């Protein structure tokens, strides 16, 4: 389980903090850790995509993030984009293209 302070760092796109936490214990699969219910039980990739951090999303995928991991609503990172409020946000097409290129 991902600590709440790391979920917040992921959502805000604070790459340095997130990578430091992931690399602290490579024996654990921290890149695919799931956040607490407070953060929708979402994997880091979903939180980064919601936060709009394309660079962090790319790094997570390069480190082995599972593109098909679902949040507590049953949505993957890409499925979360297909609602009118999300599609209206700037940069969504770049994030969708990134996710499609990885899986």
Protein backbone atom coordinates (compact mmCIF):
# COMPACT_ATOMS: atom_id res chain seq x y z
CA UNK A 1 0.00 0.00 0.00
CA UNK A 2 1.21 3.45 -0.94
CA UNK A 3 1.45 5.91 1.97
CA UNK A 4 -0.91 8.90 1.74
CA UNK A 5 1.98 11.37 1.58
CA UNK A 6 3.34 9.58 -1.51
CA UNK A 7 -0.10 9.48 -3.14
CA UNK A 8 -0.22 13.25 -2.68
CA UNK A 9 3.27 13.62 -4.19
CA UNK A 10 2.22 11.51 -7.20
CA UNK A 11 -0.98 13.50 -7.70
CA UNK A 12 0.99 16.76 -7.57
CA UNK A 13 3.63 15.40 -9.97
CA UNK A 14 6.55 15.74 -7.58
CA UNK A 15 8.86 13.42 -9.46
CA UNK A 16 11.88 13.57 -7.17
CA UNK A 17 9.93 12.51 -4.07
CA UNK A 18 8.10 9.73 -5.90
CA UNK A 19 11.24 8.27 -7.46
CA UNK A 20 13.07 8.43 -4.13
CA UNK A 21 10.26 6.42 -2.49
CA UNK A 22 10.13 3.88 -5.34
CA UNK A 23 13.89 3.37 -5.33
CA UNK A 24 14.18 3.10 -1.54
CA UNK A 25 13.06 -0.52 -1.67
CA UNK A 26 13.31 -2.12 -5.11
CA UNK A 27 12.40 -5.53 -3.63
CA UNK A 28 8.82 -4.25 -3.29
CA UNK A 29 6.79 -3.48 -6.40
CA UNK A 30 6.34 0.13 -5.35
CA UNK A 31 5.76 1.40 -8.89
CA UNK A 32 2.49 -0.57 -8.83
CA UNK A 33 1.57 0.21 -5.22
CA UNK A 34 -2.07 1.04 -4.56
CA UNK A 35 -3.07 4.12 -2.59
CA UNK A 36 -5.42 4.06 0.38
CA UNK A 37 -9.18 4.45 0.00
CA UNK A 38 -8.71 8.15 0.76
CA UNK A 39 -6.96 8.38 -2.62
CA UNK A 40 -9.48 6.12 -4.47
CA UNK A 41 -7.44 2.95 -4.01
CA UNK A 42 -5.61 4.02 -7.14
CA UNK A 43 -2.22 2.94 -8.46
CA UNK A 44 0.46 5.60 -8.97
CA UNK A 45 -0.10 5.65 -12.74
CA UNK A 46 -3.78 6.54 -12.29
CA UNK A 47 -2.94 9.28 -9.79
CA UNK A 48 -0.28 10.73 -12.09
CA UNK A 49 -2.68 10.70 -15.04
CA UNK A 50 -5.40 12.44 -13.02
CA UNK A 51 -2.83 14.98 -11.87
CA UNK A 52 -1.82 15.62 -15.47
CA UNK A 53 1.87 14.86 -15.03
CA UNK A 54 2.94 13.43 -18.37
CA UNK A 55 6.60 13.24 -17.34
CA UNK A 56 5.84 11.25 -14.18
CA UNK A 57 3.51 8.97 -16.14
CA UNK A 58 6.33 8.27 -18.58
CA UNK A 59 8.79 7.49 -15.79
CA UNK A 60 6.34 5.18 -14.03
CA UNK A 61 5.75 3.26 -17.26
CA UNK A 62 9.50 2.99 -17.86
CA UNK A 63 9.90 1.60 -14.34
CA UNK A 64 7.30 -1.08 -15.03
CA UNK A 65 3.95 0.38 -13.99
CA UNK A 66 1.11 -1.91 -15.05
CA UNK A 67 -1.07 0.04 -17.45
CA UNK A 68 -4.07 -2.23 -16.72
CA UNK A 69 -4.16 -1.82 -12.92
CA UNK A 70 -7.54 -0.48 -11.79
CA UNK A 71 -8.62 1.97 -9.11
CA UNK A 72 -11.46 1.34 -6.63
CA UNK A 73 -14.01 2.28 -9.33
CA UNK A 74 -12.62 -0.41 -11.61
CA UNK A 75 -11.09 2.10 -14.03
CA UNK A 76 -7.64 1.94 -15.58
CA UNK A 77 -5.58 5.09 -16.15
CA UNK A 78 -6.88 5.51 -19.70
CA UNK A 79 -10.53 4.76 -18.88
CA UNK A 80 -10.57 7.63 -16.39
CA UNK A 81 -10.12 10.12 -19.22
CA UNK A 82 -13.35 9.28 -21.02
CA UNK A 83 -15.75 11.59 -19.25
CA UNK A 84 -16.72 15.06 -20.48
CA UNK A 85 -14.95 16.92 -17.63
CA UNK A 86 -11.70 15.01 -18.17
CA UNK A 87 -11.74 15.30 -21.96
CA UNK A 88 -12.11 19.07 -21.65
CA UNK A 89 -8.84 19.40 -19.73
CA UNK A 90 -5.71 20.64 -21.45
CA UNK A 91 -3.07 18.03 -22.31
CA UNK A 92 -5.43 15.06 -22.14
CA UNK A 93 -4.68 13.97 -25.70
CA UNK A 94 -0.94 13.74 -24.92
CA UNK A 95 -1.62 11.59 -21.87
CA UNK A 96 -4.03 9.36 -23.81
CA UNK A 97 -1.48 8.93 -26.61
CA UNK A 98 1.20 7.98 -24.08
CA UNK A 99 -1.00 5.33 -22.46
CA UNK A 100 -2.10 3.94 -25.82
CA UNK A 101 1.50 3.66 -26.97
CA UNK A 102 2.30 1.53 -23.88
CA UNK A 103 -0.57 -0.85 -24.09
